[in-house]
C-alpha atoms as a PDB file:
ATOM      1  CA  UNK A   1      83.299 109.200 102.690  1.00  0.00           C
ATOM      2  CA  UNK A   2      86.465 111.573 102.953  1.00  0.00           C
ATOM      3  CA  UNK A   3      89.781 112.180 102.038  1.00  0.00           C
ATOM      4  CA  UNK A   4      92.924 110.218 103.484  1.00  0.00           C
ATOM      5  CA  UNK A   5      96.021 111.935 102.168  1.00  0.00           C
ATOM      6  CA  UNK A   6      99.098 110.666 103.082  1.00  0.00           C
ATOM      7  CA  UNK A   7     103.094 110.493 101.571  1.00  0.00           C
ATOM      8  CA  UNK A   8     105.118 108.465  99.355  1.00  0.00           C
ATOM      9  CA  UNK A   9     108.869 110.510  99.421  1.00  0.00           C
ATOM     10  CA  UNK A  10     108.280 113.442  97.610  1.00  0.00           C
ATOM     11  CA  UNK A  11     104.716 112.359  96.661  1.00  0.00           C
ATOM     12  CA  UNK A  12     101.457 113.330  98.253  1.00  0.00           C
ATOM     13  CA  UNK A  13      99.136 110.844  97.959  1.00  0.00           C
ATOM     14  CA  UNK A  14      95.078 111.391  97.836  1.00  0.00           C
ATOM     15  CA  UNK A  15      92.792 108.844  98.638  1.00  0.00           C
ATOM     16  CA  UNK A  16      89.184 109.250  97.836  1.00  0.00           C
ATOM     17  CA  UNK A  17      86.899 107.444 100.177  1.00  0.00           C
ATOM     18  CA  UNK A  18      83.504 106.924  98.719  1.00  0.00           C
ATOM     19  CA  UNK A  19      82.041 109.830  96.076  1.00  0.00           C
ATOM     20  CA  UNK A  20      83.829 113.008  95.116  1.00  0.00           C
ATOM     21  CA  UNK A  21      80.821 115.142  94.802  1.00  0.00           C
ATOM     22  CA  UNK A  22      79.145 118.352  94.874  1.00  0.00           C
ATOM     23  CA  UNK A  23      79.103 117.617  98.663  1.00  0.00           C
ATOM     24  CA  UNK A  24      82.872 117.391  99.792  1.00  0.00           C
ATOM     25  CA  UNK A  25      84.709 118.519  96.526  1.00  0.00           C
ATOM     26  CA  UNK A  26      85.684 121.521  98.352  1.00  0.00           C
ATOM     27  CA  UNK A  27      87.379 118.942 101.039  1.00  0.00           C
ATOM     28  CA  UNK A  28      89.506 118.065  98.489  1.00  0.00           C
ATOM     29  CA  UNK A  29      90.171 121.111  96.831  1.00  0.00           C
ATOM     30  CA  UNK A  30      91.385 122.702 100.486  1.00  0.00           C
ATOM     31  CA  UNK A  31      93.315 119.844 101.382  1.00  0.00           C
ATOM     32  CA  UNK A  32      94.821 120.175  98.454  1.00  0.00           C
ATOM     33  CA  UNK A  33      95.498 123.416  98.620  1.00  0.00           C
ATOM     34  CA  UNK A  34      96.825 123.301 102.067  1.00  0.00           C
ATOM     35  CA  UNK A  35     100.050 120.690 101.088  1.00  0.00           C
ATOM     36  CA  UNK A  36      99.767 123.554  98.019  1.00  0.00           C
ATOM     37  CA  UNK A  37     100.761 126.308 100.336  1.00  0.00           C
ATOM     38  CA  UNK A  38     103.014 123.987 102.360  1.00  0.00           C
ATOM     39  CA  UNK A  39     105.449 123.360  99.957  1.00  0.00           C
ATOM     40  CA  UNK A  40     104.210 120.329  98.111  1.00  0.00           C
ATOM     41  CA  UNK A  41     104.158 119.910  94.199  1.00  0.00           C
ATOM     42  CA  UNK A  42     103.992 115.843  92.902  1.00  0.00           C
ATOM     43  CA  UNK A  43     100.131 115.114  93.466  1.00  0.00           C
ATOM     44  CA  UNK A  44      98.156 111.809  93.290  1.00  0.00           C
ATOM     45  CA  UNK A  45      94.606 111.643  93.671  1.00  0.00           C
ATOM     46  CA  UNK A  46      93.933 107.727  94.069  1.00  0.00           C
ATOM     47  CA  UNK A  47      90.369 106.155  92.976  1.00  0.00           C
ATOM     48  CA  UNK A  48      90.621 102.422  94.541  1.00  0.00           C
ATOM     49  CA  UNK A  49      87.871 103.107  96.620  1.00  0.00           C
ATOM     50  CA  UNK A  50      86.160 106.014  94.741  1.00  0.00           C
ATOM     51  CA  UNK A  51      82.778 104.943  92.892  1.00  0.00           C
ATOM     52  CA  UNK A  52      80.936 107.933  91.747  1.00  0.00           C
ATOM     53  CA  UNK A  53      82.704 111.644  90.559  1.00  0.00           C
ATOM     54  CA  UNK A  54      79.763 114.303  89.655  1.00  0.00           C
ATOM     55  CA  UNK A  55      80.093 116.953  87.693  1.00  0.00           C
ATOM     56  CA  UNK A  56      81.138 119.879  90.379  1.00  0.00           C
ATOM     57  CA  UNK A  57      84.336 116.966  91.193  1.00  0.00           C
ATOM     58  CA  UNK A  58      85.289 116.783  87.545  1.00  0.00           C
ATOM     59  CA  UNK A  59      85.019 120.198  87.484  1.00  0.00           C
ATOM     60  CA  UNK A  60      87.459 120.587  91.087  1.00  0.00           C
ATOM     61  CA  UNK A  61      89.981 118.186  89.739  1.00  0.00           C
ATOM     62  CA  UNK A  62      90.001 120.562  86.400  1.00  0.00           C
ATOM     63  CA  UNK A  63      90.676 123.348  88.970  1.00  0.00           C
ATOM     64  CA  UNK A  64      92.693 121.518  91.182  1.00  0.00           C
ATOM     65  CA  UNK A  65      95.082 120.867  88.131  1.00  0.00           C
ATOM     66  CA  UNK A  66      95.589 124.488  86.902  1.00  0.00           C
ATOM     67  CA  UNK A  67      96.291 126.096  90.455  1.00  0.00           C
ATOM     68  CA  UNK A  68      99.212 122.685  90.875  1.00  0.00           C
ATOM     69  CA  UNK A  69     100.640 123.809  87.342  1.00  0.00           C
ATOM     70  CA  UNK A  70     101.026 127.411  87.562  1.00  0.00           C
ATOM     71  CA  UNK A  71     103.040 126.324  91.107  1.00  0.00           C
ATOM     72  CA  UNK A  72     105.129 124.074  88.771  1.00  0.00           C
ATOM     73  CA  UNK A  73     103.724 121.228  89.783  1.00  0.00           C
ATOM     74  CA  UNK A  74     102.823 117.527  88.780  1.00  0.00           C
ATOM     75  CA  UNK A  75      98.718 115.936  89.280  1.00  0.00           C
ATOM     76  CA  UNK A  76      98.140 112.129  88.141  1.00  0.00           C
ATOM     77  CA  UNK A  77      95.544 110.408  89.054  1.00  0.00           C
ATOM     78  CA  UNK A  78      95.469 106.337  89.513  1.00  0.00           C
ATOM     79  CA  UNK A  79      93.075 103.857  89.805  1.00  0.00           C
ATOM     80  CA  UNK A  80      89.943 104.996  87.707  1.00  0.00           C
ATOM     81  CA  UNK A  81      87.428 102.016  87.484  1.00  0.00           C
ATOM     82  CA  UNK A  82      85.693 101.244  84.448  1.00  0.00           C
ATOM     83  CA  UNK A  83      83.272 103.508  84.673  1.00  0.00           C
ATOM     84  CA  UNK A  84      85.076 106.311  85.613  1.00  0.00           C
ATOM     85  CA  UNK A  85      88.076 106.086  83.383  1.00  0.00           C
ATOM     86  CA  UNK A  86      85.043 105.977  80.856  1.00  0.00           C
ATOM     87  CA  UNK A  87      83.700 109.300  82.128  1.00  0.00           C
ATOM     88  CA  UNK A  88      87.016 110.654  81.975  1.00  0.00           C
ATOM     89  CA  UNK A  89      87.238 109.577  77.877  1.00  0.00           C
ATOM     90  CA  UNK A  90      83.616 110.625  77.470  1.00  0.00           C
ATOM     91  CA  UNK A  91      84.362 114.351  78.701  1.00  0.00           C
ATOM     92  CA  UNK A  92      87.935 114.272  77.091  1.00  0.00           C
ATOM     93  CA  UNK A  93      89.626 115.271  80.532  1.00  0.00           C
ATOM     94  CA  UNK A  94      92.428 111.788  79.987  1.00  0.00           C
ATOM     95  CA  UNK A  95      93.855 114.413  77.336  1.00  0.00           C
ATOM     96  CA  UNK A  96      94.103 116.696  80.404  1.00  0.00           C
ATOM     97  CA  UNK A  97      95.100 114.291  83.549  1.00  0.00           C
ATOM     98  CA  UNK A  98      97.577 111.844  83.701  1.00  0.00           C
ATOM     99  CA  UNK A  99      95.719 108.463  83.850  1.00  0.00           C
ATOM    100  CA  UNK A 100      97.271 105.679  85.722  1.00  0.00           C
ATOM    101  CA  UNK A 101      96.485 101.782  86.440  1.00  0.00           C
ATOM    102  CA  UNK A 102      98.019 101.549  89.725  1.00  0.00           C
ATOM    103  CA  UNK A 103      99.088 103.478  92.319  1.00  0.00           C
ATOM    104  CA  UNK A 104     102.470 101.989  91.342  1.00  0.00           C
ATOM    105  CA  UNK A 105     102.803 102.789  88.189  1.00  0.00           C
ATOM    106  CA  UNK A 106     101.551 106.591  89.043  1.00  0.00           C
ATOM    107  CA  UNK A 107     104.265 107.375  91.841  1.00  0.00           C
ATOM    108  CA  UNK A 108     107.190 105.930  89.264  1.00  0.00           C
ATOM    109  CA  UNK A 109     105.845 107.972  86.888  1.00  0.00           C
ATOM    110  CA  UNK A 110     106.897 111.470  88.163  1.00  0.00           C
END
């Protein structure tokens, strides 16, 4: 379980490994806010290796989306499995986030 931060061009990519839950959401938030402070404005959170997101995980994503937009940045999500995509649809968060099926598609959308 953890977060791997890499750069692809001018996009900061965060890979979420395992689950995004109450126990680790602050770590994700801290990593993104550090990158934002360092001047990054394009973020892609890749959920290819994520099986579960709880309500606190969703909350931190909404919070990060707001912070990034306030700094004239953009946030994209990619590789949600079927269960996670359904979760975003049921909570109407699919209307807040730009969600791509794959990393390449998400990177091309900036």
